[in-house]
């Protein structure tokens, strides 16, 4: 934390917004259904669009980071996020939410990678993992703010006023990023020009990418999309209870990311720590599949554990970073992030027809049980393939 400059702290604010925007619809789901007629399926599409637009931007963002640096890249695109939040505040129909979330996804696309680019250029591979985990842990406060605080604020002032407040915050962050972020030194001419195709020649990444595609998907989709409808439809809880449950998930995510670095030191291996963390996530979501309607307390506890055990992302990005040469850092970390966010968006889109089919043919508890099984299977497959990944470039 002492290594964080003023510019890094401003980037943390941008990442906090990114975490907030991808999850805040969960607590707004009741009012969006009432006022706009937005069903859980509609919100699944909006959320999926956020992740798809975010993922699609990773390749150009990687090039822009290498060419223009994080200062201009992060600040310029945060203005697009502010535009998207404006569209959300003015929404009159579910498809307006789709447009808004797409713009917000584009605007948030460099939020994390700008900092990771600076860490990768200015610090060693070992320091990268610790700094990356600390950055995500602090920025995950966005998850907290998007839960019960957002529910309380939206209830007090109305969801449209609350969203206009987000517009103002996004504009302030964009200006601050432009003023305070400092780009790392450019590479000298001794380094070759990085090309996207070079990444496909790094064989070690081949078996990291499948797990990257599904590791974050389950916790992100459950926290940001399905937790609210699940608790509402199975247990008939109100928005305050949804806010409390998602707050616990957000707190657990912060704890998990904070423990990532120390756990690697304790276990002695990034790879083994990822295997253990992912296996725990598989078991927890499988428990949700089997214990969908046992009790509200059990469900909230399992949702919290999803947040805690789903924090392997920072370790995966650190493991992948170890295989990237200096001239491919910008494109490399965004390429890895593209698979993570793209896989998340794909599973969110796919979760909509799964939910529609299951809810049409089964009672709510069984419908959500099927949905949790849908998230469990690809995560287990990704875990199996990850066993083929070496510990380091020398293995």
Protein backbone atom coordinates (compact mmCIF):
# COMPACT_ATOMS: atom_id res chain seq x y z
CA UNK A 1 0.00 0.00 0.00
CA UNK A 2 2.92 2.33 0.67
CA UNK A 3 3.93 1.90 -2.97
CA UNK A 4 0.63 3.39 -4.16
CA UNK A 5 1.12 6.91 -5.53
CA UNK A 6 -1.62 9.53 -5.84
CA UNK A 7 -2.15 8.41 -9.43
CA UNK A 8 -2.65 4.80 -8.35
CA UNK A 9 -5.19 5.87 -5.75
CA UNK A 10 -7.13 7.73 -8.44
CA UNK A 11 -7.05 4.58 -10.59
CA UNK A 12 -8.41 2.71 -7.57
CA UNK A 13 -11.36 5.11 -7.58
CA UNK A 14 -11.94 4.24 -11.25
CA UNK A 15 -11.76 0.53 -10.47
CA UNK A 16 -14.14 1.01 -7.53
CA UNK A 17 -16.63 2.49 -9.99
CA UNK A 18 -16.07 -0.46 -12.34
CA UNK A 19 -16.83 -2.91 -9.52
CA UNK A 20 -19.88 -0.86 -8.56
CA UNK A 21 -21.31 -0.62 -12.06
CA UNK A 22 -21.07 -4.35 -12.77
CA UNK A 23 -23.03 -5.22 -9.62
CA UNK A 24 -25.42 -2.39 -8.72
CA UNK A 25 -28.39 -3.71 -10.71
CA UNK A 26 -28.88 -6.55 -8.20
CA UNK A 27 -30.33 -4.22 -5.55
CA UNK A 28 -32.24 -2.18 -8.14
CA UNK A 29 -33.92 -5.25 -9.64
CA UNK A 30 -37.26 -4.79 -7.78
CA UNK A 31 -37.68 -1.12 -8.75
CA UNK A 32 -36.47 -1.68 -12.32
CA UNK A 33 -39.05 -4.44 -12.70
CA UNK A 34 -41.80 -2.22 -11.30
CA UNK A 35 -41.00 1.00 -13.20
CA UNK A 36 -39.47 -0.27 -16.44
CA UNK A 37 -40.85 -3.81 -16.67
CA UNK A 38 -37.30 -5.21 -16.60
CA UNK A 39 -37.42 -8.92 -15.74
CA UNK A 40 -34.46 -10.89 -14.34
CA UNK A 41 -33.91 -12.11 -17.90
CA UNK A 42 -33.69 -8.51 -19.15
CA UNK A 43 -31.18 -7.66 -16.45
CA UNK A 44 -29.17 -10.75 -17.40
CA UNK A 45 -28.91 -9.35 -20.93
CA UNK A 46 -27.92 -5.90 -19.66
CA UNK A 47 -25.30 -7.38 -17.38
CA UNK A 48 -24.02 -9.65 -20.14
CA UNK A 49 -23.72 -6.67 -22.50
CA UNK A 50 -21.62 -4.87 -19.89
CA UNK A 51 -19.21 -7.79 -19.75
CA UNK A 52 -19.14 -8.34 -23.52
CA UNK A 53 -18.42 -4.67 -24.27
CA UNK A 54 -15.81 -4.63 -21.53
CA UNK A 55 -14.18 -7.76 -22.96
CA UNK A 56 -14.31 -6.54 -26.58
CA UNK A 57 -12.39 -3.43 -25.55
CA UNK A 58 -9.48 -5.33 -23.99
CA UNK A 59 -7.56 -5.80 -27.26
CA UNK A 60 -7.68 -2.10 -28.27
CA UNK A 61 -7.08 -1.06 -24.65
CA UNK A 62 -3.93 -3.20 -24.59
CA UNK A 63 -2.63 -1.46 -27.70
CA UNK A 64 -3.54 1.96 -26.32
CA UNK A 65 -1.77 1.25 -23.03
CA UNK A 66 1.40 0.33 -24.94
CA UNK A 67 1.07 3.31 -27.29
CA UNK A 68 -0.54 6.14 -25.29
CA UNK A 69 -0.11 5.02 -21.68
CA UNK A 70 -2.66 4.54 -18.89
CA UNK A 71 -3.19 8.24 -18.17
CA UNK A 72 -4.95 9.12 -21.41
CA UNK A 73 -6.50 5.68 -21.88
CA UNK A 74 -8.20 5.49 -18.47
CA UNK A 75 -9.36 9.12 -18.30
CA UNK A 76 -10.80 9.21 -21.83
CA UNK A 77 -12.83 6.04 -21.48
CA UNK A 78 -14.17 7.01 -18.05
CA UNK A 79 -16.03 9.80 -19.85
CA UNK A 80 -17.82 7.08 -21.84
CA UNK A 81 -18.84 5.43 -18.55
CA UNK A 82 -20.33 8.75 -17.43
CA UNK A 83 -22.31 8.89 -20.69
CA UNK A 84 -23.61 5.37 -20.09
CA UNK A 85 -24.69 6.25 -16.55
CA UNK A 86 -26.61 9.21 -18.00
CA UNK A 87 -28.49 6.89 -20.36
CA UNK A 88 -29.28 4.60 -17.39
CA UNK A 89 -30.68 7.53 -15.40
CA UNK A 90 -32.94 8.49 -18.33
CA UNK A 91 -34.08 4.92 -19.12
CA UNK A 92 -37.74 4.34 -19.95
CA UNK A 93 -37.58 0.74 -21.19
CA UNK A 94 -35.42 -2.37 -20.62
CA UNK A 95 -33.51 -1.90 -23.88
CA UNK A 96 -32.33 1.50 -22.66
CA UNK A 97 -30.58 -0.37 -19.84
CA UNK A 98 -28.86 -2.54 -22.46
CA UNK A 99 -27.46 0.55 -24.20
CA UNK A 100 -26.44 2.14 -20.90
CA UNK A 101 -24.63 -0.92 -19.61
CA UNK A 102 -22.83 -1.34 -22.93
CA UNK A 103 -21.46 2.20 -22.72
CA UNK A 104 -20.53 1.76 -19.07
CA UNK A 105 -18.72 -1.48 -19.92
CA UNK A 106 -16.68 0.30 -22.58
CA UNK A 107 -15.87 3.12 -20.18
CA UNK A 108 -14.74 0.79 -17.39
CA UNK A 109 -12.63 -1.44 -19.65
CA UNK A 110 -9.20 0.05 -18.74
CA UNK A 111 -9.95 0.60 -15.04
CA UNK A 112 -7.99 -2.38 -13.73
CA UNK A 113 -5.58 -2.93 -16.59
CA UNK A 114 -4.19 0.62 -16.40
CA UNK A 115 -2.91 -0.07 -12.90
CA UNK A 116 -1.71 -3.57 -13.80
CA UNK A 117 0.22 -2.09 -16.72
CA UNK A 118 2.01 0.27 -14.33
CA UNK A 119 2.70 -2.52 -11.82
CA UNK A 120 4.02 -4.85 -14.54
CA UNK A 121 6.36 -2.19 -15.94
CA UNK A 122 7.61 -0.74 -12.66
CA UNK A 123 7.79 -3.77 -10.34
CA UNK A 124 9.04 -7.36 -10.34
CA UNK A 125 6.78 -10.33 -11.14
CA UNK A 126 6.74 -11.26 -7.44
CA UNK A 127 5.73 -7.74 -6.37
CA UNK A 128 3.10 -7.66 -9.11
CA UNK A 129 0.96 -10.31 -7.41
CA UNK A 130 0.97 -8.53 -4.05
CA UNK A 131 0.23 -5.11 -5.54
CA UNK A 132 -2.45 -6.52 -7.85
CA UNK A 133 -4.20 -8.20 -4.93
CA UNK A 134 -4.07 -5.06 -2.78
CA UNK A 135 -5.41 -2.94 -5.65
CA UNK A 136 -8.36 -5.28 -6.25
CA UNK A 137 -9.07 -5.62 -2.53
CA UNK A 138 -9.37 -1.85 -2.05
CA UNK A 139 -11.24 -1.35 -5.32
CA UNK A 140 -13.70 -4.07 -4.34
CA UNK A 141 -15.25 -1.53 -2.01
CA UNK A 142 -17.34 -0.85 -5.10
CA UNK A 143 -19.01 -4.20 -4.45
CA UNK A 144 -19.83 -3.06 -0.93
CA UNK A 145 -21.17 0.31 -2.03
CA UNK A 146 -23.34 -1.32 -4.71
CA UNK A 147 -25.12 -3.43 -2.08
CA UNK A 148 -27.00 -2.09 0.95
CA UNK A 149 -25.51 1.46 0.72
CA UNK A 150 -26.83 1.79 -2.85
CA UNK A 151 -30.17 0.28 -1.83
CA UNK A 152 -30.50 2.77 1.04
CA UNK A 153 -29.41 5.74 -1.10
CA UNK A 154 -31.74 4.81 -3.98
CA UNK A 155 -34.62 4.35 -1.54
CA UNK A 156 -33.94 7.76 0.00
CA UNK A 157 -33.52 9.85 -3.15
CA UNK A 158 -34.87 7.63 -5.94
CA UNK A 159 -32.90 5.41 -8.28
CA UNK A 160 -32.68 8.06 -11.01
CA UNK A 161 -31.18 10.69 -8.70
CA UNK A 162 -28.79 8.05 -7.35
CA UNK A 163 -27.68 7.26 -10.90
CA UNK A 164 -27.17 10.94 -11.76
CA UNK A 165 -24.91 11.09 -8.70
CA UNK A 166 -22.85 8.32 -10.29
CA UNK A 167 -22.57 10.41 -13.46
CA UNK A 168 -21.01 13.25 -11.47
CA UNK A 169 -18.62 10.89 -9.67
CA UNK A 170 -17.54 9.32 -12.97
CA UNK A 171 -16.78 12.73 -14.48
CA UNK A 172 -14.75 13.72 -11.41
CA UNK A 173 -12.73 10.49 -11.60
CA UNK A 174 -12.02 11.04 -15.32
CA UNK A 175 -10.64 14.53 -14.68
CA UNK A 176 -8.58 13.30 -11.71
CA UNK A 177 -7.07 10.44 -13.72
CA UNK A 178 -5.96 12.82 -16.46
CA UNK A 179 -4.42 15.18 -13.91
CA UNK A 180 -2.72 12.72 -11.55
CA UNK A 181 -1.82 9.42 -13.24
CA UNK A 182 1.81 9.13 -14.33
CA UNK A 183 2.71 6.82 -17.22
CA UNK A 184 5.66 4.42 -16.80
CA UNK A 185 8.77 5.00 -18.90
CA UNK A 186 8.53 3.80 -22.48
CA UNK A 187 10.57 0.76 -23.54
CA UNK A 188 13.71 1.47 -25.53
CA UNK A 189 14.31 0.33 -29.11
CA UNK A 190 15.98 -2.90 -27.96
CA UNK A 191 12.57 -4.43 -27.32
CA UNK A 192 10.64 -5.77 -30.33
CA UNK A 193 7.22 -4.42 -31.16
CA UNK A 194 4.56 -6.51 -29.46
CA UNK A 195 1.98 -8.26 -31.62
CA UNK A 196 -1.20 -10.01 -30.57
CA UNK A 197 -0.20 -13.16 -32.44
CA UNK A 198 2.88 -13.54 -30.23
CA UNK A 199 0.62 -14.28 -27.28
CA UNK A 200 -0.77 -17.42 -28.94
CA UNK A 201 2.77 -18.81 -29.14
CA UNK A 202 3.07 -18.81 -25.35
CA UNK A 203 2.05 -22.41 -24.73
CA UNK A 204 1.81 -21.96 -20.97
CA UNK A 205 -1.18 -19.66 -21.48
CA UNK A 206 -3.17 -22.28 -23.37
CA UNK A 207 -4.34 -24.05 -20.23
CA UNK A 208 -4.69 -20.91 -18.12
CA UNK A 209 -7.17 -19.36 -20.55
CA UNK A 210 -10.03 -21.88 -20.03
CA UNK A 211 -9.99 -21.27 -16.28
CA UNK A 212 -9.66 -17.52 -16.89
CA UNK A 213 -12.85 -17.74 -18.94
CA UNK A 214 -14.95 -19.23 -16.14
CA UNK A 215 -13.20 -18.47 -12.84
CA UNK A 216 -14.70 -15.02 -12.28
CA UNK A 217 -17.94 -15.74 -14.14
CA UNK A 218 -19.75 -17.60 -11.38
CA UNK A 219 -19.04 -15.18 -8.52
CA UNK A 220 -19.63 -12.11 -10.74
CA UNK A 221 -22.92 -13.40 -12.12
CA UNK A 222 -24.25 -14.55 -8.78
CA UNK A 223 -23.17 -11.40 -6.93
CA UNK A 224 -24.07 -8.88 -9.61
CA UNK A 225 -27.16 -10.44 -11.13
CA UNK A 226 -28.76 -13.56 -9.69
CA UNK A 227 -28.39 -13.12 -5.92
CA UNK A 228 -31.20 -10.55 -5.79
CA UNK A 229 -33.80 -12.44 -7.89
CA UNK A 230 -32.81 -15.73 -6.20
CA UNK A 231 -33.45 -14.45 -2.67
CA UNK A 232 -36.56 -12.57 -3.74
CA UNK A 233 -38.22 -15.47 -5.60
CA UNK A 234 -37.19 -18.35 -3.32
CA UNK A 235 -37.48 -16.63 0.08
CA UNK A 236 -39.71 -13.60 -0.76
CA UNK A 237 -37.29 -11.18 0.91
CA UNK A 238 -37.37 -7.41 0.41
CA UNK A 239 -34.70 -5.18 -1.12
CA UNK A 240 -33.06 -4.46 2.25
CA UNK A 241 -32.36 -8.17 2.78
CA UNK A 242 -30.96 -8.40 -0.75
CA UNK A 243 -28.72 -5.44 0.06
CA UNK A 244 -27.53 -7.13 3.25
CA UNK A 245 -26.74 -10.42 1.49
CA UNK A 246 -24.89 -8.79 -1.39
CA UNK A 247 -23.02 -6.60 1.13
CA UNK A 248 -21.74 -9.76 2.82
CA UNK A 249 -20.65 -11.10 -0.58
CA UNK A 250 -18.81 -7.86 -1.30
CA UNK A 251 -17.06 -7.92 2.08
CA UNK A 252 -16.05 -11.53 1.49
CA UNK A 253 -14.56 -10.59 -1.89
CA UNK A 254 -12.42 -7.93 -0.22
CA UNK A 255 -11.24 -10.41 2.40
CA UNK A 256 -10.47 -13.02 -0.26
CA UNK A 257 -8.45 -10.61 -2.39
CA UNK A 258 -6.60 -9.31 0.67
CA UNK A 259 -5.62 -12.86 1.63
CA UNK A 260 -4.48 -13.84 -1.89
CA UNK A 261 -0.88 -12.65 -1.50
CA UNK A 262 -0.35 -14.02 2.04
CA UNK A 263 -1.88 -17.37 1.03
CA UNK A 264 0.65 -17.75 -1.78
CA UNK A 265 3.43 -17.21 0.76
CA UNK A 266 1.85 -19.77 3.08
CA UNK A 267 1.24 -22.38 0.38
CA UNK A 268 4.51 -21.63 -1.42
CA UNK A 269 3.06 -21.72 -4.92
CA UNK A 270 0.77 -19.47 -6.98
CA UNK A 271 -0.44 -22.46 -8.98
CA UNK A 272 -1.33 -24.60 -5.94
CA UNK A 273 -3.09 -21.65 -4.30
CA UNK A 274 -5.23 -21.17 -7.42
CA UNK A 275 -6.05 -24.88 -7.52
CA UNK A 276 -7.14 -24.82 -3.88
CA UNK A 277 -9.18 -21.62 -4.24
CA UNK A 278 -10.94 -22.75 -7.39
CA UNK A 279 -11.72 -26.16 -5.92
CA UNK A 280 -13.30 -24.39 -2.94
CA UNK A 281 -15.43 -22.26 -5.29
CA UNK A 282 -16.63 -25.38 -7.13
CA UNK A 283 -17.64 -26.99 -3.84
CA UNK A 284 -19.48 -23.89 -2.60
CA UNK A 285 -21.51 -23.37 -5.79
CA UNK A 286 -22.24 -27.11 -5.88
CA UNK A 287 -23.58 -26.72 -2.34
CA UNK A 288 -25.89 -23.95 -3.57
CA UNK A 289 -27.05 -26.33 -6.28
CA UNK A 290 -27.91 -29.01 -3.72
CA UNK A 291 -29.11 -26.77 -0.86
CA UNK A 292 -30.97 -24.09 -2.79
CA UNK A 293 -33.92 -23.70 -0.42
CA UNK A 294 -32.82 -25.26 2.87
CA UNK A 295 -33.00 -21.95 4.73
CA UNK A 296 -32.34 -18.26 4.17
CA UNK A 297 -29.40 -18.35 6.60
CA UNK A 298 -27.75 -21.25 4.73
CA UNK A 299 -28.25 -19.54 1.37
CA UNK A 300 -26.80 -16.23 2.57
CA UNK A 301 -23.84 -18.07 4.11
CA UNK A 302 -23.15 -19.94 0.87
CA UNK A 303 -23.48 -16.75 -1.18
CA UNK A 304 -20.93 -15.13 1.13
CA UNK A 305 -18.54 -18.06 0.63
CA UNK A 306 -18.92 -17.64 -3.14
CA UNK A 307 -17.50 -14.15 -2.70
CA UNK A 308 -14.70 -15.37 -0.45
CA UNK A 309 -13.59 -18.31 -2.59
CA UNK A 310 -14.02 -16.54 -5.92
CA UNK A 311 -10.97 -14.30 -5.39
CA UNK A 312 -8.53 -16.38 -7.47
CA UNK A 313 -8.64 -13.87 -10.33
CA UNK A 314 -5.74 -11.77 -9.07
CA UNK A 315 -3.62 -14.88 -8.68
CA UNK A 316 -4.50 -16.06 -12.18
CA UNK A 317 -3.49 -12.72 -13.68
CA UNK A 318 -0.25 -12.82 -11.66
CA UNK A 319 0.45 -16.37 -12.86
CA UNK A 320 -0.20 -15.39 -16.47
CA UNK A 321 1.94 -12.26 -16.08
CA UNK A 322 4.94 -14.46 -15.23
CA UNK A 323 4.95 -15.82 -18.80
CA UNK A 324 4.79 -12.40 -20.53
CA UNK A 325 7.92 -10.70 -21.91
CA UNK A 326 8.24 -6.95 -21.28
CA UNK A 327 7.16 -5.87 -24.76
CA UNK A 328 3.90 -7.85 -24.45
CA UNK A 329 2.83 -6.68 -21.01
CA UNK A 330 0.13 -4.23 -22.13
CA UNK A 331 -1.39 -6.53 -24.72
CA UNK A 332 -0.81 -9.59 -22.55
CA UNK A 333 -2.61 -8.57 -19.38
CA UNK A 334 -5.55 -7.14 -21.33
CA UNK A 335 -5.65 -10.31 -23.47
CA UNK A 336 -5.95 -12.41 -20.30
CA UNK A 337 -8.56 -10.05 -18.92
CA UNK A 338 -10.51 -10.29 -22.18
CA UNK A 339 -10.93 -14.02 -21.65
CA UNK A 340 -11.98 -13.49 -18.04
CA UNK A 341 -14.55 -10.79 -18.73
CA UNK A 342 -15.64 -12.29 -22.06
CA UNK A 343 -16.30 -15.64 -20.43
CA UNK A 344 -18.24 -13.90 -17.70
CA UNK A 345 -20.39 -12.10 -20.26
CA UNK A 346 -20.96 -15.30 -22.23
CA UNK A 347 -22.12 -17.22 -19.17
CA UNK A 348 -24.34 -14.32 -18.12
CA UNK A 349 -26.00 -14.30 -21.54
CA UNK A 350 -26.35 -18.07 -21.47
CA UNK A 351 -27.79 -17.95 -17.96
CA UNK A 352 -30.86 -16.11 -19.27
CA UNK A 353 -32.27 -18.98 -21.41
CA UNK A 354 -31.30 -21.43 -18.67
CA UNK A 355 -33.31 -19.40 -16.17
CA UNK A 356 -36.22 -18.88 -18.58
CA UNK A 357 -36.47 -22.59 -19.34
CA UNK A 358 -36.05 -23.73 -15.75
CA UNK A 359 -38.45 -21.15 -14.30
CA UNK A 360 -41.10 -22.05 -16.90
CA UNK A 361 -40.97 -25.75 -16.05
CA UNK A 362 -39.94 -25.83 -12.37
CA UNK A 363 -40.78 -24.01 -9.12
CA UNK A 364 -38.36 -21.21 -8.14
CA UNK A 365 -36.17 -23.32 -5.85
CA UNK A 366 -35.59 -25.97 -8.52
CA UNK A 367 -35.11 -23.32 -11.23
CA UNK A 368 -32.30 -21.69 -9.28
CA UNK A 369 -30.83 -25.07 -8.40
CA UNK A 370 -30.47 -25.74 -12.13
CA UNK A 371 -28.94 -22.28 -12.59
CA UNK A 372 -26.29 -22.95 -9.94
CA UNK A 373 -25.48 -26.28 -11.59
CA UNK A 374 -25.04 -24.37 -14.85
CA UNK A 375 -22.29 -22.28 -13.21
CA UNK A 376 -20.66 -25.24 -11.45
CA UNK A 377 -19.93 -27.45 -14.48
CA UNK A 378 -17.73 -25.10 -16.60
CA UNK A 379 -15.78 -24.04 -13.50
CA UNK A 380 -14.99 -27.67 -12.73
CA UNK A 381 -13.86 -28.26 -16.33
CA UNK A 382 -11.63 -25.17 -16.26
CA UNK A 383 -10.06 -26.41 -13.04
CA UNK A 384 -9.21 -29.77 -14.61
CA UNK A 385 -7.50 -28.14 -17.61
CA UNK A 386 -5.53 -25.81 -15.36
CA UNK A 387 -3.69 -28.83 -13.94
CA UNK A 388 -1.74 -28.86 -17.25
CA UNK A 389 -0.29 -25.37 -16.66
CA UNK A 390 3.35 -25.17 -15.47
CA UNK A 391 4.29 -23.29 -12.31
CA UNK A 392 6.79 -20.98 -14.06
CA UNK A 393 8.31 -20.30 -17.52
CA UNK A 394 11.26 -22.55 -16.62
CA UNK A 395 9.14 -25.65 -15.90
